[in-house]
């Protein structure tokens, strides 16, 4: 394989008490935080719904979902719109609360190492990694998406 085949464009996203590493291709847009519309009977990590380009998107607090920290939107908070991976054409996007703008990074095999944690990883986390000097969490976006869909269906 060539060196170019082993380079992935990623983003580091700050959430409360953690930094997430995602492929850049999963992000559709970054928005300023606005208070979401509440969703009745939703888990505490489902903050509500936001409007985006004619869609009603569920807004998720990843820190709450993973049990890392309490997190609420406010001054300086951003929302990233993520492309859903499940292929459901009725729900092609969902949103995640962040603390500031994502930072573009180049991910190479040489720069990325899985941290050997003795602790069990939290729900919704695939791995804890170090990329150069940055420690980050690789979220399980498929599991998060499934949980969002289940929570939205239960709340309907």
N, C-alpha and C. Protein backbone atom coordinates (compact mmCIF):
# COMPACT_ATOMS: atom_id res chain seq x y z
N UNK A 1 0.84 -1.19 0.00
CA UNK A 1 0.00 0.00 0.00
C UNK A 1 0.87 1.24 0.00
N UNK A 2 0.41 2.25 -0.70
CA UNK A 2 1.16 3.50 -0.72
C UNK A 2 0.92 4.26 0.58
N UNK A 3 1.79 5.24 0.84
CA UNK A 3 1.63 6.06 2.03
C UNK A 3 0.32 6.85 2.01
N UNK A 4 -0.12 7.26 0.82
CA UNK A 4 -1.36 8.04 0.72
C UNK A 4 -2.57 7.23 1.14
N UNK A 5 -2.55 5.92 0.91
CA UNK A 5 -3.67 5.08 1.27
C UNK A 5 -3.80 4.95 2.80
N UNK A 6 -2.76 5.27 3.53
CA UNK A 6 -2.78 5.11 4.98
C UNK A 6 -3.02 6.43 5.72
N UNK A 7 -3.39 7.48 4.99
CA UNK A 7 -3.66 8.78 5.59
C UNK A 7 -5.15 9.04 5.57
N UNK A 8 -5.70 9.41 6.73
CA UNK A 8 -7.11 9.72 6.85
C UNK A 8 -7.23 11.12 7.42
N UNK A 9 -8.13 11.92 6.86
CA UNK A 9 -8.41 13.23 7.43
C UNK A 9 -9.40 13.03 8.56
N UNK A 10 -9.07 13.55 9.71
CA UNK A 10 -9.92 13.40 10.87
C UNK A 10 -10.18 14.73 11.53
N UNK A 11 -10.99 14.69 12.57
CA UNK A 11 -11.24 15.88 13.38
C UNK A 11 -11.19 15.49 14.84
N UNK A 12 -10.59 16.37 15.62
CA UNK A 12 -10.63 16.24 17.08
C UNK A 12 -11.71 17.18 17.57
N UNK A 13 -12.62 16.64 18.34
CA UNK A 13 -13.78 17.37 18.82
C UNK A 13 -13.77 17.36 20.34
N UNK A 14 -13.81 18.54 20.93
CA UNK A 14 -13.83 18.64 22.38
C UNK A 14 -15.25 18.53 22.90
N UNK A 15 -15.48 17.57 23.78
CA UNK A 15 -16.73 17.47 24.52
C UNK A 15 -16.35 17.59 25.99
N UNK A 16 -17.32 17.65 26.86
CA UNK A 16 -17.03 17.81 28.28
C UNK A 16 -16.18 16.65 28.78
N UNK A 17 -14.99 16.93 29.31
CA UNK A 17 -14.09 15.95 29.92
C UNK A 17 -13.46 14.96 28.95
N UNK A 18 -13.56 15.20 27.65
CA UNK A 18 -12.95 14.27 26.69
C UNK A 18 -12.79 14.95 25.33
N UNK A 19 -11.98 14.32 24.50
CA UNK A 19 -11.79 14.74 23.13
C UNK A 19 -12.11 13.53 22.26
N UNK A 20 -12.91 13.75 21.21
CA UNK A 20 -13.31 12.67 20.31
C UNK A 20 -12.53 12.78 19.01
N UNK A 21 -12.18 11.63 18.44
CA UNK A 21 -11.53 11.56 17.14
C UNK A 21 -12.51 10.91 16.17
N UNK A 22 -12.87 11.65 15.12
CA UNK A 22 -13.82 11.18 14.12
C UNK A 22 -13.25 11.37 12.73
N UNK A 23 -13.67 10.55 11.78
CA UNK A 23 -13.30 10.82 10.39
C UNK A 23 -13.96 12.13 9.94
N UNK A 24 -13.24 12.96 9.25
CA UNK A 24 -13.77 14.24 8.78
C UNK A 24 -15.01 14.04 7.91
N UNK A 25 -15.07 12.95 7.18
CA UNK A 25 -16.19 12.70 6.26
C UNK A 25 -17.52 12.51 6.97
N UNK A 26 -17.52 12.26 8.28
CA UNK A 26 -18.79 12.07 8.99
C UNK A 26 -19.46 13.39 9.34
N UNK A 27 -18.75 14.51 9.25
CA UNK A 27 -19.30 15.80 9.66
C UNK A 27 -19.90 16.52 8.46
N UNK A 28 -21.18 16.89 8.61
CA UNK A 28 -21.87 17.62 7.56
C UNK A 28 -21.73 19.13 7.74
N UNK A 29 -21.78 19.58 9.01
CA UNK A 29 -21.71 21.02 9.26
C UNK A 29 -21.48 21.27 10.75
N UNK A 30 -20.93 22.45 11.06
CA UNK A 30 -20.76 22.92 12.43
C UNK A 30 -21.65 24.13 12.62
N UNK A 31 -22.46 24.12 13.69
CA UNK A 31 -23.42 25.18 13.95
C UNK A 31 -23.17 25.79 15.32
N UNK A 32 -23.65 27.01 15.51
CA UNK A 32 -23.67 27.60 16.84
C UNK A 32 -24.77 26.92 17.65
N UNK A 33 -24.56 26.82 18.94
CA UNK A 33 -25.55 26.18 19.80
C UNK A 33 -26.78 27.06 19.94
N UNK A 34 -27.94 26.44 19.85
CA UNK A 34 -29.22 27.07 20.17
C UNK A 34 -29.98 26.06 21.02
N UNK A 35 -30.75 26.55 21.97
CA UNK A 35 -31.49 25.66 22.85
C UNK A 35 -32.40 24.75 22.04
N UNK A 36 -32.28 23.43 22.23
CA UNK A 36 -33.10 22.50 21.45
C UNK A 36 -34.53 22.41 21.98
N UNK A 37 -35.44 21.95 21.11
CA UNK A 37 -36.81 21.66 21.54
C UNK A 37 -36.76 20.39 22.37
N UNK A 38 -37.38 20.36 23.54
CA UNK A 38 -37.34 19.15 24.38
C UNK A 38 -38.05 17.97 23.71
N UNK A 39 -37.61 16.78 24.07
CA UNK A 39 -38.24 15.54 23.64
C UNK A 39 -38.76 14.85 24.89
N UNK A 40 -40.07 14.65 24.95
CA UNK A 40 -40.69 14.02 26.13
C UNK A 40 -40.19 12.60 26.31
N UNK A 41 -39.99 12.21 27.56
CA UNK A 41 -39.59 10.85 27.94
C UNK A 41 -38.28 10.40 27.32
N UNK A 42 -37.39 11.34 27.03
CA UNK A 42 -36.10 11.01 26.43
C UNK A 42 -35.06 10.81 27.54
N UNK A 43 -34.04 9.98 27.28
CA UNK A 43 -32.94 9.86 28.25
C UNK A 43 -32.21 11.21 28.39
N UNK A 44 -31.49 11.39 29.50
CA UNK A 44 -30.86 12.70 29.75
C UNK A 44 -29.80 13.07 28.73
N UNK A 45 -29.22 12.09 28.03
CA UNK A 45 -28.20 12.38 27.02
C UNK A 45 -28.81 12.88 25.71
N UNK A 46 -30.11 12.71 25.53
CA UNK A 46 -30.79 13.23 24.34
C UNK A 46 -31.35 14.60 24.73
N UNK A 47 -30.64 15.65 24.34
CA UNK A 47 -30.93 16.99 24.81
C UNK A 47 -32.17 17.61 24.18
N UNK A 48 -32.61 17.07 23.06
CA UNK A 48 -33.78 17.60 22.37
C UNK A 48 -33.58 17.50 20.87
N UNK A 49 -34.36 18.33 20.14
CA UNK A 49 -34.27 18.37 18.68
C UNK A 49 -33.87 19.77 18.25
N UNK A 50 -33.09 19.83 17.19
CA UNK A 50 -32.76 21.12 16.58
C UNK A 50 -33.22 21.10 15.12
N UNK A 51 -33.43 22.27 14.57
CA UNK A 51 -33.80 22.39 13.17
C UNK A 51 -32.54 22.66 12.35
N UNK A 52 -32.43 21.94 11.24
CA UNK A 52 -31.29 22.12 10.34
C UNK A 52 -31.72 21.75 8.93
N UNK A 53 -31.67 22.71 8.04
CA UNK A 53 -31.98 22.49 6.62
C UNK A 53 -33.26 21.70 6.38
N UNK A 54 -34.29 22.02 7.12
CA UNK A 54 -35.57 21.35 6.96
C UNK A 54 -35.72 20.05 7.72
N UNK A 55 -34.68 19.62 8.42
CA UNK A 55 -34.71 18.38 9.21
C UNK A 55 -34.90 18.72 10.68
N UNK A 56 -35.49 17.81 11.42
CA UNK A 56 -35.55 17.87 12.89
C UNK A 56 -34.53 16.86 13.38
N UNK A 57 -33.40 17.32 13.87
CA UNK A 57 -32.32 16.41 14.27
C UNK A 57 -32.26 16.22 15.78
N UNK A 58 -32.11 14.97 16.23
CA UNK A 58 -31.87 14.76 17.65
C UNK A 58 -30.49 15.30 18.02
N UNK A 59 -30.41 16.00 19.16
CA UNK A 59 -29.14 16.55 19.66
C UNK A 59 -28.69 15.72 20.85
N UNK A 60 -27.48 15.18 20.74
CA UNK A 60 -26.93 14.25 21.73
C UNK A 60 -25.79 14.89 22.50
N UNK A 61 -25.73 14.62 23.80
CA UNK A 61 -24.55 14.92 24.61
C UNK A 61 -23.76 13.62 24.72
N UNK A 62 -22.64 13.53 24.01
CA UNK A 62 -21.85 12.30 24.05
C UNK A 62 -21.30 12.06 25.45
N UNK A 63 -20.90 13.12 26.14
CA UNK A 63 -20.35 12.96 27.50
C UNK A 63 -21.36 12.31 28.43
N UNK A 64 -22.61 12.72 28.33
CA UNK A 64 -23.66 12.09 29.14
C UNK A 64 -23.90 10.65 28.69
N UNK A 65 -23.97 10.44 27.38
CA UNK A 65 -24.23 9.11 26.83
C UNK A 65 -23.19 8.10 27.32
N UNK A 66 -21.93 8.52 27.31
CA UNK A 66 -20.84 7.63 27.71
C UNK A 66 -20.62 7.62 29.22
N UNK A 67 -21.35 8.47 29.96
CA UNK A 67 -21.18 8.53 31.40
C UNK A 67 -19.88 9.19 31.82
N UNK A 68 -19.34 10.05 30.97
CA UNK A 68 -18.07 10.71 31.25
C UNK A 68 -18.27 11.94 32.14
N UNK A 69 -19.30 12.75 31.80
CA UNK A 69 -19.54 13.99 32.54
C UNK A 69 -20.91 14.53 32.19
N UNK A 70 -21.42 15.40 33.06
CA UNK A 70 -22.63 16.15 32.74
C UNK A 70 -22.26 17.22 31.73
N UNK A 71 -23.12 17.46 30.79
CA UNK A 71 -22.82 18.43 29.75
C UNK A 71 -24.10 19.10 29.30
N UNK A 72 -24.06 20.43 29.25
CA UNK A 72 -25.18 21.21 28.74
C UNK A 72 -24.61 22.26 27.81
N UNK A 73 -25.40 22.66 26.84
CA UNK A 73 -24.97 23.70 25.92
C UNK A 73 -25.01 25.06 26.57
N UNK A 74 -24.22 25.95 26.03
CA UNK A 74 -24.19 27.31 26.53
C UNK A 74 -23.29 28.16 25.67
N UNK A 75 -22.87 29.30 26.21
CA UNK A 75 -22.01 30.22 25.50
C UNK A 75 -20.73 29.50 25.08
N UNK A 76 -20.38 29.57 23.82
CA UNK A 76 -19.17 28.92 23.31
C UNK A 76 -19.39 27.50 22.83
N UNK A 77 -20.55 26.92 23.14
CA UNK A 77 -20.84 25.56 22.68
C UNK A 77 -21.15 25.58 21.18
N UNK A 78 -20.84 24.49 20.54
CA UNK A 78 -21.15 24.30 19.13
C UNK A 78 -21.92 23.00 18.98
N UNK A 79 -22.50 22.82 17.83
CA UNK A 79 -23.22 21.60 17.48
C UNK A 79 -22.65 21.11 16.17
N UNK A 80 -22.26 19.83 16.13
CA UNK A 80 -21.83 19.26 14.86
C UNK A 80 -22.95 18.37 14.34
N UNK A 81 -23.23 18.51 13.07
CA UNK A 81 -24.20 17.66 12.40
C UNK A 81 -23.42 16.50 11.80
N UNK A 82 -23.81 15.28 12.20
CA UNK A 82 -23.12 14.07 11.75
C UNK A 82 -23.97 13.30 10.75
N UNK A 83 -23.31 12.76 9.75
CA UNK A 83 -24.00 11.88 8.80
C UNK A 83 -24.21 10.54 9.48
N UNK A 84 -25.45 10.08 9.48
CA UNK A 84 -25.77 8.79 10.09
C UNK A 84 -25.20 7.67 9.22
N UNK A 85 -24.74 6.62 9.86
CA UNK A 85 -24.10 5.52 9.15
C UNK A 85 -25.06 4.40 8.78
N UNK A 86 -26.24 4.39 9.41
CA UNK A 86 -27.15 3.25 9.27
C UNK A 86 -27.90 3.16 7.96
N UNK A 87 -27.87 4.19 7.14
CA UNK A 87 -28.55 4.13 5.86
C UNK A 87 -30.04 4.38 5.92
N UNK A 88 -30.56 4.85 7.06
CA UNK A 88 -31.99 5.15 7.18
C UNK A 88 -32.25 6.50 6.50
N UNK A 89 -32.93 6.47 5.36
CA UNK A 89 -33.15 7.70 4.59
C UNK A 89 -34.10 8.67 5.31
N UNK A 90 -34.88 8.19 6.28
CA UNK A 90 -35.75 9.07 7.05
C UNK A 90 -34.98 9.81 8.14
N UNK A 91 -33.83 9.28 8.55
CA UNK A 91 -33.01 9.88 9.60
C UNK A 91 -31.53 9.86 9.17
N UNK A 92 -31.18 10.65 8.16
CA UNK A 92 -29.81 10.58 7.64
C UNK A 92 -28.78 11.36 8.46
N UNK A 93 -29.24 12.13 9.46
CA UNK A 93 -28.32 12.95 10.25
C UNK A 93 -28.75 12.94 11.72
N UNK A 94 -27.79 13.21 12.59
CA UNK A 94 -28.08 13.56 13.98
C UNK A 94 -27.02 14.55 14.41
N UNK A 95 -27.22 15.19 15.55
CA UNK A 95 -26.32 16.26 15.99
C UNK A 95 -25.70 15.94 17.34
N UNK A 96 -24.51 16.50 17.57
CA UNK A 96 -23.79 16.27 18.82
C UNK A 96 -23.30 17.61 19.37
N UNK A 97 -23.48 17.79 20.66
CA UNK A 97 -23.01 18.98 21.36
C UNK A 97 -21.50 18.92 21.51
N UNK A 98 -20.82 20.03 21.24
CA UNK A 98 -19.37 20.10 21.41
C UNK A 98 -19.00 21.38 22.15
N UNK A 99 -17.78 21.44 22.59
CA UNK A 99 -17.25 22.62 23.27
C UNK A 99 -16.24 23.29 22.34
N UNK A 100 -16.69 24.04 21.39
CA UNK A 100 -15.80 24.73 20.46
C UNK A 100 -15.78 24.04 19.10
N UNK A 101 -14.94 24.60 18.23
CA UNK A 101 -14.85 24.10 16.86
C UNK A 101 -14.00 22.83 16.77
N UNK A 102 -14.37 21.93 15.88
CA UNK A 102 -13.51 20.76 15.62
C UNK A 102 -12.18 21.20 15.03
N UNK A 103 -11.14 20.42 15.31
CA UNK A 103 -9.81 20.71 14.77
C UNK A 103 -9.44 19.63 13.76
N UNK A 104 -9.17 20.04 12.53
CA UNK A 104 -8.76 19.09 11.49
C UNK A 104 -7.39 18.50 11.81
N UNK A 105 -7.26 17.20 11.62
CA UNK A 105 -5.99 16.51 11.85
C UNK A 105 -5.78 15.49 10.74
N UNK A 106 -4.52 15.15 10.53
CA UNK A 106 -4.16 14.08 9.61
C UNK A 106 -3.83 12.86 10.45
N UNK A 107 -4.54 11.78 10.21
CA UNK A 107 -4.35 10.56 10.98
C UNK A 107 -3.55 9.58 10.14
N UNK A 108 -2.40 9.17 10.68
CA UNK A 108 -1.59 8.15 10.02
C UNK A 108 -1.41 6.98 10.98
N UNK A 109 -1.13 5.85 10.43
CA UNK A 109 -0.92 4.65 11.26
C UNK A 109 0.23 4.86 12.23
N UNK A 110 1.29 5.55 11.78
CA UNK A 110 2.46 5.78 12.63
C UNK A 110 2.15 6.72 13.80
N UNK A 111 1.22 7.66 13.60
CA UNK A 111 0.93 8.66 14.63
C UNK A 111 -0.15 8.20 15.62
N UNK A 112 -0.85 7.10 15.30
CA UNK A 112 -1.98 6.67 16.10
C UNK A 112 -1.65 5.41 16.89
N UNK A 113 -1.93 5.43 18.18
CA UNK A 113 -1.71 4.26 19.03
C UNK A 113 -2.89 4.07 19.96
N UNK A 114 -3.32 2.83 20.10
CA UNK A 114 -4.39 2.52 21.05
C UNK A 114 -3.80 2.53 22.44
N UNK A 115 -4.48 3.20 23.37
CA UNK A 115 -4.01 3.22 24.74
C UNK A 115 -4.41 1.92 25.41
N UNK A 116 -3.50 1.33 26.13
CA UNK A 116 -3.76 0.06 26.79
C UNK A 116 -4.36 0.35 28.15
N UNK A 117 -5.67 0.55 28.16
CA UNK A 117 -6.38 0.86 29.40
C UNK A 117 -6.77 -0.42 30.10
N UNK A 118 -6.57 -0.46 31.40
CA UNK A 118 -7.07 -1.59 32.17
C UNK A 118 -8.56 -1.40 32.47
N UNK A 119 -9.01 -0.15 32.42
CA UNK A 119 -10.43 0.14 32.65
C UNK A 119 -11.25 -0.28 31.44
N UNK A 120 -12.47 -0.68 31.71
CA UNK A 120 -13.39 -0.99 30.63
C UNK A 120 -13.78 0.33 29.96
N UNK A 121 -13.90 0.32 28.64
CA UNK A 121 -14.27 1.55 27.96
C UNK A 121 -15.75 1.83 28.20
N UNK A 122 -16.13 3.12 28.28
CA UNK A 122 -17.53 3.48 28.52
C UNK A 122 -18.43 3.07 27.34
N UNK A 123 -19.72 3.08 27.59
CA UNK A 123 -20.70 2.80 26.54
C UNK A 123 -20.50 3.80 25.41
N UNK A 124 -20.57 3.32 24.19
CA UNK A 124 -20.45 4.19 23.03
C UNK A 124 -19.02 4.49 22.63
N UNK A 125 -18.05 3.83 23.25
CA UNK A 125 -16.64 4.08 22.95
C UNK A 125 -16.02 2.83 22.33
N UNK A 126 -15.40 3.01 21.16
CA UNK A 126 -14.68 1.89 20.53
C UNK A 126 -13.30 1.72 21.13
N UNK A 127 -12.60 2.84 21.32
CA UNK A 127 -11.22 2.76 21.83
C UNK A 127 -10.78 4.11 22.37
N UNK A 128 -9.78 4.04 23.23
CA UNK A 128 -9.06 5.24 23.67
C UNK A 128 -7.74 5.23 22.90
N UNK A 129 -7.40 6.36 22.31
CA UNK A 129 -6.21 6.41 21.47
C UNK A 129 -5.34 7.61 21.82
N UNK A 130 -4.11 7.55 21.34
CA UNK A 130 -3.20 8.70 21.39
C UNK A 130 -2.76 8.95 19.96
N UNK A 131 -2.94 10.20 19.54
CA UNK A 131 -2.48 10.60 18.23
C UNK A 131 -1.48 11.72 18.44
N UNK A 132 -0.23 11.42 18.18
CA UNK A 132 0.86 12.32 18.52
C UNK A 132 0.78 12.62 20.02
N UNK A 133 0.53 13.88 20.42
CA UNK A 133 0.45 14.20 21.85
C UNK A 133 -0.98 14.21 22.38
N UNK A 134 -1.95 14.05 21.51
CA UNK A 134 -3.36 14.17 21.90
C UNK A 134 -3.96 12.82 22.26
N UNK A 135 -4.57 12.75 23.45
CA UNK A 135 -5.36 11.57 23.80
C UNK A 135 -6.79 11.84 23.37
N UNK A 136 -7.44 10.81 22.87
CA UNK A 136 -8.81 10.98 22.38
C UNK A 136 -9.58 9.67 22.52
N UNK A 137 -10.87 9.81 22.35
CA UNK A 137 -11.79 8.67 22.35
C UNK A 137 -12.31 8.51 20.93
N UNK A 138 -12.34 7.27 20.46
CA UNK A 138 -12.98 6.97 19.18
C UNK A 138 -14.39 6.48 19.52
N UNK A 139 -15.40 7.30 19.22
CA UNK A 139 -16.76 6.90 19.57
C UNK A 139 -17.29 5.82 18.64
N UNK A 140 -18.19 5.01 19.17
CA UNK A 140 -18.88 4.00 18.37
C UNK A 140 -20.12 4.68 17.80
N UNK A 141 -19.97 5.30 16.63
CA UNK A 141 -21.05 6.07 16.05
C UNK A 141 -22.24 5.20 15.68
N UNK A 142 -22.00 3.96 15.27
CA UNK A 142 -23.11 3.06 14.92
C UNK A 142 -23.96 2.76 16.16
N UNK A 143 -23.32 2.49 17.29
CA UNK A 143 -24.06 2.22 18.53
C UNK A 143 -24.78 3.47 19.01
N UNK A 144 -24.14 4.62 18.90
CA UNK A 144 -24.77 5.88 19.29
C UNK A 144 -26.00 6.13 18.42
N UNK A 145 -25.86 5.94 17.13
CA UNK A 145 -26.98 6.14 16.20
C UNK A 145 -28.14 5.21 16.53
N UNK A 146 -27.86 3.95 16.82
CA UNK A 146 -28.91 2.99 17.19
C UNK A 146 -29.62 3.43 18.47
N UNK A 147 -28.86 3.89 19.45
CA UNK A 147 -29.46 4.37 20.70
C UNK A 147 -30.32 5.61 20.48
N UNK A 148 -29.87 6.49 19.62
CA UNK A 148 -30.65 7.70 19.30
C UNK A 148 -31.97 7.29 18.65
N UNK A 149 -31.90 6.40 17.68
CA UNK A 149 -33.12 5.97 16.99
C UNK A 149 -34.09 5.28 17.96
N UNK A 150 -33.57 4.44 18.85
CA UNK A 150 -34.41 3.77 19.83
C UNK A 150 -35.05 4.77 20.80
N UNK A 151 -34.27 5.75 21.24
CA UNK A 151 -34.79 6.77 22.17
C UNK A 151 -35.85 7.63 21.49
N UNK A 152 -35.63 7.98 20.23
CA UNK A 152 -36.60 8.79 19.51
C UNK A 152 -37.89 8.00 19.25
N UNK A 153 -37.76 6.72 18.96
CA UNK A 153 -38.94 5.89 18.73
C UNK A 153 -39.74 5.72 20.03
N UNK A 154 -39.04 5.54 21.16
CA UNK A 154 -39.70 5.37 22.45
C UNK A 154 -40.39 6.67 22.90
N UNK A 155 -39.82 7.80 22.52
CA UNK A 155 -40.38 9.10 22.93
C UNK A 155 -41.57 9.51 22.05
N UNK A 156 -41.69 8.90 20.88
CA UNK A 156 -42.76 9.30 19.94
C UNK A 156 -44.12 8.84 20.41
